[in-house]
Amino acid sequence: MIKRSFAVLAAAVALGVLSVGTAQAAPADTAPCKSGGYANYVDPATDLPFANQGQCVSVVNHGGILVPVEEEPSVIATLTNIPADGWMGFTCRVELDVSGPAGTYLVESYRNGHFYRGEDIVVP
């Protein structure tokens, strides 16, 4: 009788160990990386957008957090020609409305399709 009870107890313990051993962590959600979605996120290690779906999925599968790409601030430029006696008979006034974080933005001027001048604009 003791041998039989021991066998039943050993079987129950073995089943319990087996059921605990098969428990797994829930898989990471890689859906945001698929169908081109990887382009909406940056690699937290490099702060650069993912080059492909595989890089994005790899970060998620290794416990990384997807960081959304920050949108560039919008810039509205208003050009006004002002008659003058200066170079080529006119000057140009530019007003910028920058909707974005404070910082320095490079404003480039082009004339006839060629770079003319660049200037830093500081937004407080």
N, C-alpha and C. Protein backbone atom coordinates (compact mmCIF):
# COMPACT_ATOMS: atom_id res chain seq x y z
N MET A 1 0.82 -1.18 0.00
CA MET A 1 0.00 0.00 0.00
C MET A 1 0.87 1.25 0.00
N ILE A 2 1.96 1.23 0.74
CA ILE A 2 2.83 2.38 0.79
C ILE A 2 3.49 2.59 -0.57
N LYS A 3 3.89 1.52 -1.25
CA LYS A 3 4.51 1.67 -2.55
C LYS A 3 3.53 2.27 -3.55
N ARG A 4 2.25 1.86 -3.48
CA ARG A 4 1.24 2.37 -4.40
C ARG A 4 1.02 3.86 -4.16
N SER A 5 0.92 4.30 -2.90
CA SER A 5 0.72 5.71 -2.58
C SER A 5 1.91 6.53 -3.04
N PHE A 6 3.10 5.98 -2.87
CA PHE A 6 4.30 6.69 -3.31
C PHE A 6 4.29 6.85 -4.83
N ALA A 7 3.85 5.83 -5.55
CA ALA A 7 3.81 5.89 -7.02
C ALA A 7 2.80 6.95 -7.48
N VAL A 8 1.65 7.03 -6.83
CA VAL A 8 0.64 8.03 -7.19
C VAL A 8 1.18 9.42 -6.89
N LEU A 9 1.83 9.59 -5.75
CA LEU A 9 2.40 10.88 -5.38
C LEU A 9 3.50 11.28 -6.36
N ALA A 10 4.35 10.36 -6.75
CA ALA A 10 5.42 10.65 -7.69
C ALA A 10 4.84 11.04 -9.04
N ALA A 11 3.78 10.39 -9.48
CA ALA A 11 3.14 10.72 -10.75
C ALA A 11 2.53 12.12 -10.69
N ALA A 12 1.91 12.47 -9.59
CA ALA A 12 1.30 13.79 -9.44
C ALA A 12 2.36 14.87 -9.45
N VAL A 13 3.47 14.64 -8.77
CA VAL A 13 4.55 15.62 -8.74
C VAL A 13 5.15 15.78 -10.13
N ALA A 14 5.33 14.67 -10.85
CA ALA A 14 5.90 14.73 -12.20
C ALA A 14 4.99 15.53 -13.12
N LEU A 15 3.70 15.33 -13.05
CA LEU A 15 2.76 16.08 -13.89
C LEU A 15 2.79 17.56 -13.53
N GLY A 16 2.90 17.84 -12.24
CA GLY A 16 2.97 19.24 -11.82
C GLY A 16 4.22 19.92 -12.35
N VAL A 17 5.34 19.22 -12.31
CA VAL A 17 6.59 19.78 -12.82
C VAL A 17 6.50 19.97 -14.32
N LEU A 18 5.89 19.02 -15.01
CA LEU A 18 5.76 19.14 -16.46
C LEU A 18 4.88 20.32 -16.83
N SER A 19 3.79 20.52 -16.09
CA SER A 19 2.90 21.62 -16.46
C SER A 19 3.56 22.97 -16.17
N VAL A 20 4.36 23.05 -15.12
CA VAL A 20 5.05 24.30 -14.83
C VAL A 20 6.14 24.54 -15.87
N GLY A 21 6.82 23.48 -16.29
CA GLY A 21 7.90 23.61 -17.25
C GLY A 21 7.43 24.07 -18.62
N THR A 22 6.18 23.86 -18.99
CA THR A 22 5.70 24.26 -20.30
C THR A 22 5.14 25.68 -20.32
N ALA A 23 5.04 26.33 -19.18
CA ALA A 23 4.54 27.71 -19.16
C ALA A 23 5.55 28.62 -19.84
N GLN A 24 5.05 29.53 -20.69
CA GLN A 24 5.93 30.45 -21.42
C GLN A 24 5.40 31.87 -21.29
N ALA A 25 6.30 32.82 -21.48
CA ALA A 25 5.90 34.22 -21.48
C ALA A 25 5.10 34.52 -22.75
N ALA A 26 4.18 35.46 -22.64
CA ALA A 26 3.38 35.85 -23.81
C ALA A 26 4.30 36.47 -24.86
N PRO A 27 4.07 36.16 -26.14
CA PRO A 27 4.93 36.73 -27.19
C PRO A 27 4.75 38.24 -27.28
N ALA A 28 5.83 38.92 -27.65
CA ALA A 28 5.78 40.38 -27.80
C ALA A 28 4.93 40.73 -29.01
N ASP A 29 4.29 41.90 -28.98
CA ASP A 29 3.44 42.34 -30.08
C ASP A 29 4.29 43.00 -31.15
N THR A 30 4.51 42.28 -32.24
CA THR A 30 5.31 42.80 -33.34
C THR A 30 4.45 43.35 -34.47
N ALA A 31 3.13 43.37 -34.28
CA ALA A 31 2.23 43.85 -35.33
C ALA A 31 2.55 45.27 -35.80
N PRO A 32 2.94 46.21 -34.91
CA PRO A 32 3.24 47.56 -35.40
C PRO A 32 4.41 47.60 -36.38
N CYS A 33 5.27 46.58 -36.35
CA CYS A 33 6.43 46.54 -37.25
C CYS A 33 6.08 46.07 -38.65
N LYS A 34 4.95 45.41 -38.78
CA LYS A 34 4.62 44.74 -40.05
C LYS A 34 3.92 45.66 -41.04
N SER A 35 3.91 45.25 -42.28
CA SER A 35 3.26 45.97 -43.39
C SER A 35 3.77 47.40 -43.52
N GLY A 36 5.07 47.58 -43.35
CA GLY A 36 5.67 48.91 -43.50
C GLY A 36 5.61 49.77 -42.25
N GLY A 37 4.99 49.26 -41.19
CA GLY A 37 4.86 50.04 -39.95
C GLY A 37 6.18 50.36 -39.28
N TYR A 38 7.21 49.56 -39.58
CA TYR A 38 8.53 49.80 -38.98
C TYR A 38 9.04 51.21 -39.27
N ALA A 39 8.61 51.80 -40.38
CA ALA A 39 9.08 53.14 -40.77
C ALA A 39 8.56 54.22 -39.83
N ASN A 40 7.58 53.90 -38.99
CA ASN A 40 7.02 54.87 -38.05
C ASN A 40 7.74 54.87 -36.70
N TYR A 41 8.79 54.05 -36.57
CA TYR A 41 9.49 53.92 -35.29
C TYR A 41 11.00 54.06 -35.47
N VAL A 42 11.66 54.47 -34.38
CA VAL A 42 13.12 54.58 -34.40
C VAL A 42 13.72 53.53 -33.48
N ASP A 43 14.91 53.11 -33.80
CA ASP A 43 15.66 52.18 -32.98
C ASP A 43 16.14 52.95 -31.75
N PRO A 44 15.73 52.55 -30.54
CA PRO A 44 16.13 53.31 -29.35
C PRO A 44 17.64 53.33 -29.13
N ALA A 45 18.37 52.39 -29.71
CA ALA A 45 19.82 52.35 -29.54
C ALA A 45 20.52 53.38 -30.42
N THR A 46 19.92 53.72 -31.57
CA THR A 46 20.59 54.62 -32.51
C THR A 46 19.83 55.93 -32.75
N ASP A 47 18.58 55.99 -32.34
CA ASP A 47 17.69 57.13 -32.61
C ASP A 47 17.47 57.35 -34.10
N LEU A 48 17.68 56.32 -34.90
CA LEU A 48 17.45 56.38 -36.34
C LEU A 48 16.27 55.48 -36.68
N PRO A 49 15.51 55.82 -37.73
CA PRO A 49 14.39 54.95 -38.12
C PRO A 49 14.90 53.55 -38.49
N PHE A 50 14.05 52.55 -38.24
CA PHE A 50 14.40 51.19 -38.63
C PHE A 50 14.53 51.12 -40.14
N ALA A 51 15.50 50.37 -40.62
CA ALA A 51 15.71 50.21 -42.07
C ALA A 51 14.78 49.16 -42.66
N ASN A 52 14.31 48.23 -41.80
CA ASN A 52 13.44 47.17 -42.32
C ASN A 52 12.63 46.56 -41.18
N GLN A 53 11.70 45.71 -41.56
CA GLN A 53 10.81 45.07 -40.60
C GLN A 53 11.57 44.18 -39.63
N GLY A 54 12.59 43.48 -40.11
CA GLY A 54 13.36 42.57 -39.27
C GLY A 54 14.03 43.27 -38.10
N GLN A 55 14.58 44.45 -38.32
CA GLN A 55 15.22 45.20 -37.23
C GLN A 55 14.19 45.56 -36.17
N CYS A 56 13.03 46.01 -36.60
CA CYS A 56 11.96 46.40 -35.68
C CYS A 56 11.50 45.21 -34.85
N VAL A 57 11.23 44.09 -35.51
CA VAL A 57 10.77 42.88 -34.82
C VAL A 57 11.83 42.40 -33.83
N SER A 58 13.09 42.46 -34.21
CA SER A 58 14.17 42.02 -33.33
C SER A 58 14.20 42.83 -32.03
N VAL A 59 14.05 44.15 -32.15
CA VAL A 59 14.05 45.00 -30.95
C VAL A 59 12.88 44.62 -30.04
N VAL A 60 11.70 44.43 -30.61
CA VAL A 60 10.52 44.07 -29.81
C VAL A 60 10.72 42.71 -29.16
N ASN A 61 11.22 41.73 -29.91
CA ASN A 61 11.42 40.38 -29.37
C ASN A 61 12.47 40.32 -28.27
N HIS A 62 13.36 41.30 -28.22
CA HIS A 62 14.38 41.35 -27.17
C HIS A 62 13.97 42.29 -26.04
N GLY A 63 12.68 42.62 -25.96
CA GLY A 63 12.18 43.42 -24.85
C GLY A 63 12.27 44.92 -25.05
N GLY A 64 12.67 45.36 -26.23
CA GLY A 64 12.77 46.80 -26.49
C GLY A 64 11.40 47.44 -26.65
N ILE A 65 11.36 48.73 -26.48
CA ILE A 65 10.13 49.50 -26.61
C ILE A 65 10.20 50.29 -27.91
N LEU A 66 9.10 50.27 -28.67
CA LEU A 66 9.05 51.02 -29.92
C LEU A 66 8.88 52.50 -29.63
N VAL A 67 9.75 53.31 -30.21
CA VAL A 67 9.72 54.76 -30.04
C VAL A 67 9.24 55.37 -31.35
N PRO A 68 8.11 56.11 -31.32
CA PRO A 68 7.59 56.69 -32.56
C PRO A 68 8.53 57.74 -33.14
N VAL A 69 8.54 57.84 -34.46
CA VAL A 69 9.30 58.87 -35.16
C VAL A 69 8.65 60.21 -34.83
N GLU A 70 9.47 61.21 -34.48
CA GLU A 70 8.94 62.55 -34.22
C GLU A 70 8.76 63.27 -35.54
N GLU A 71 7.62 63.90 -35.68
CA GLU A 71 7.37 64.64 -36.91
C GLU A 71 8.16 65.94 -36.92
N GLU A 72 8.61 66.32 -38.10
CA GLU A 72 9.31 67.59 -38.26
C GLU A 72 8.32 68.73 -38.04
N PRO A 73 8.77 69.83 -37.45
CA PRO A 73 7.87 70.96 -37.26
C PRO A 73 7.46 71.56 -38.60
N SER A 74 6.25 72.08 -38.63
CA SER A 74 5.80 72.71 -39.87
C SER A 74 6.33 74.14 -39.94
N VAL A 75 6.68 74.56 -41.13
CA VAL A 75 7.20 75.90 -41.35
C VAL A 75 6.40 76.54 -42.48
N ILE A 76 5.91 77.73 -42.22
CA ILE A 76 5.19 78.48 -43.24
C ILE A 76 6.02 79.71 -43.56
N ALA A 77 6.35 79.89 -44.82
CA ALA A 77 7.16 81.04 -45.24
C ALA A 77 6.30 81.96 -46.09
N THR A 78 6.34 83.25 -45.77
CA THR A 78 5.65 84.26 -46.56
C THR A 78 6.69 85.15 -47.21
N LEU A 79 6.70 85.20 -48.53
CA LEU A 79 7.67 86.01 -49.26
C LEU A 79 6.98 87.26 -49.78
N THR A 80 7.61 88.38 -49.57
CA THR A 80 7.08 89.65 -50.04
C THR A 80 8.17 90.39 -50.80
N ASN A 81 7.90 90.72 -52.05
CA ASN A 81 8.85 91.52 -52.83
C ASN A 81 8.66 92.99 -52.47
N ILE A 82 9.75 93.63 -52.13
CA ILE A 82 9.72 95.05 -51.77
C ILE A 82 10.58 95.80 -52.77
N PRO A 83 10.00 96.71 -53.55
CA PRO A 83 10.81 97.47 -54.50
C PRO A 83 11.92 98.22 -53.77
N ALA A 84 13.09 98.19 -54.36
CA ALA A 84 14.24 98.87 -53.75
C ALA A 84 15.26 99.17 -54.84
N ASP A 85 16.24 99.94 -54.47
CA ASP A 85 17.30 100.26 -55.42
C ASP A 85 18.48 99.31 -55.25
N GLY A 86 18.27 98.22 -54.51
CA GLY A 86 19.35 97.28 -54.24
C GLY A 86 19.63 96.37 -55.42
N TRP A 87 20.24 95.25 -55.11
CA TRP A 87 20.64 94.28 -56.11
C TRP A 87 19.44 93.83 -56.93
N MET A 88 19.50 93.95 -58.20
CA MET A 88 18.47 93.56 -59.15
C MET A 88 17.14 94.28 -58.91
N GLY A 89 17.16 95.38 -58.18
CA GLY A 89 15.97 96.22 -58.06
C GLY A 89 14.92 95.76 -57.07
N PHE A 90 15.17 94.72 -56.28
CA PHE A 90 14.18 94.35 -55.27
C PHE A 90 14.88 93.63 -54.11
N THR A 91 14.20 93.62 -53.00
CA THR A 91 14.63 92.82 -51.87
C THR A 91 13.46 91.91 -51.51
N CYS A 92 13.70 90.97 -50.69
CA CYS A 92 12.65 90.02 -50.33
C CYS A 92 12.60 89.90 -48.82
N ARG A 93 11.42 90.01 -48.26
CA ARG A 93 11.22 89.86 -46.82
C ARG A 93 10.60 88.49 -46.58
N VAL A 94 11.15 87.75 -45.65
CA VAL A 94 10.66 86.41 -45.34
C VAL A 94 10.18 86.39 -43.90
N GLU A 95 8.94 85.93 -43.70
CA GLU A 95 8.41 85.74 -42.35
C GLU A 95 8.16 84.25 -42.15
N LEU A 96 8.66 83.72 -41.05
CA LEU A 96 8.49 82.29 -40.78
C LEU A 96 7.61 82.09 -39.57
N ASP A 97 6.72 81.13 -39.66
CA ASP A 97 5.91 80.70 -38.53
C ASP A 97 6.27 79.24 -38.28
N VAL A 98 7.06 79.00 -37.25
CA VAL A 98 7.53 77.65 -36.96
C VAL A 98 6.67 77.07 -35.85
N SER A 99 5.97 75.99 -36.16
CA SER A 99 5.16 75.29 -35.17
C SER A 99 5.93 74.04 -34.77
N GLY A 100 6.70 74.15 -33.74
CA GLY A 100 7.51 73.02 -33.32
C GLY A 100 8.31 73.38 -32.09
N PRO A 101 9.17 72.48 -31.67
CA PRO A 101 9.96 72.73 -30.47
C PRO A 101 10.97 73.84 -30.66
N ALA A 102 11.37 74.42 -29.54
CA ALA A 102 12.41 75.46 -29.59
C ALA A 102 13.69 74.84 -30.12
N GLY A 103 14.47 75.65 -30.78
CA GLY A 103 15.72 75.15 -31.32
C GLY A 103 16.20 76.02 -32.46
N THR A 104 17.20 75.55 -33.15
CA THR A 104 17.76 76.29 -34.27
C THR A 104 17.41 75.56 -35.56
N TYR A 105 16.92 76.32 -36.52
CA TYR A 105 16.52 75.75 -37.80
C TYR A 105 17.30 76.44 -38.91
N LEU A 106 17.77 75.65 -39.86
CA LEU A 106 18.50 76.19 -40.99
C LEU A 106 17.49 76.55 -42.08
N VAL A 107 17.54 77.79 -42.53
CA VAL A 107 16.69 78.25 -43.62
C VAL A 107 17.59 78.45 -44.83
N GLU A 108 17.26 77.76 -45.91
CA GLU A 108 18.07 77.85 -47.13
C GLU A 108 17.32 78.63 -48.19
N SER A 109 18.04 79.46 -48.91
CA SER A 109 17.47 80.23 -50.02
C SER A 109 18.01 79.67 -51.33
N TYR A 110 17.14 79.57 -52.30
CA TYR A 110 17.52 79.09 -53.64
C TYR A 110 17.12 80.14 -54.67
N ARG A 111 17.94 80.33 -55.67
CA ARG A 111 17.63 81.26 -56.76
C ARG A 111 17.86 80.52 -58.06
N ASN A 112 16.87 80.51 -58.91
CA ASN A 112 16.94 79.80 -60.19
C ASN A 112 17.34 78.33 -60.00
N GLY A 113 16.83 77.73 -58.93
CA GLY A 113 17.09 76.32 -58.68
C GLY A 113 18.43 76.01 -58.06
N HIS A 114 19.23 77.02 -57.75
CA HIS A 114 20.55 76.81 -57.17
C HIS A 114 20.61 77.42 -55.77
N PHE A 115 21.36 76.74 -54.89
CA PHE A 115 21.51 77.25 -53.53
C PHE A 115 22.11 78.64 -53.56
N TYR A 116 21.49 79.55 -52.80
CA TYR A 116 21.96 80.93 -52.77
C TYR A 116 22.56 81.26 -51.41
N ARG A 117 21.83 80.94 -50.32
CA ARG A 117 22.28 81.35 -49.01
C ARG A 117 21.59 80.52 -47.93
N GLY A 118 22.29 80.28 -46.84
CA GLY A 118 21.70 79.60 -45.69
C GLY A 118 21.85 80.45 -44.45
N GLU A 119 20.87 80.39 -43.58
CA GLU A 119 20.92 81.18 -42.36
C GLU A 119 20.21 80.42 -41.25
N ASP A 120 20.79 80.46 -40.05
CA ASP A 120 20.16 79.82 -38.89
C ASP A 120 19.13 80.75 -38.28
N ILE A 121 17.95 80.20 -38.00
CA ILE A 121 16.89 80.93 -37.32
C ILE A 121 16.71 80.27 -35.96
N VAL A 122 16.77 81.04 -34.89
CA VAL A 122 16.63 80.50 -33.54
C VAL A 122 15.20 80.72 -33.07
N VAL A 123 14.54 79.62 -32.66
CA VAL A 123 13.18 79.69 -32.12
C VAL A 123 13.29 79.50 -30.61
N PRO A 124 12.91 80.52 -29.83
CA PRO A 124 13.05 80.41 -28.37
C PRO A 124 12.04 79.46 -27.76
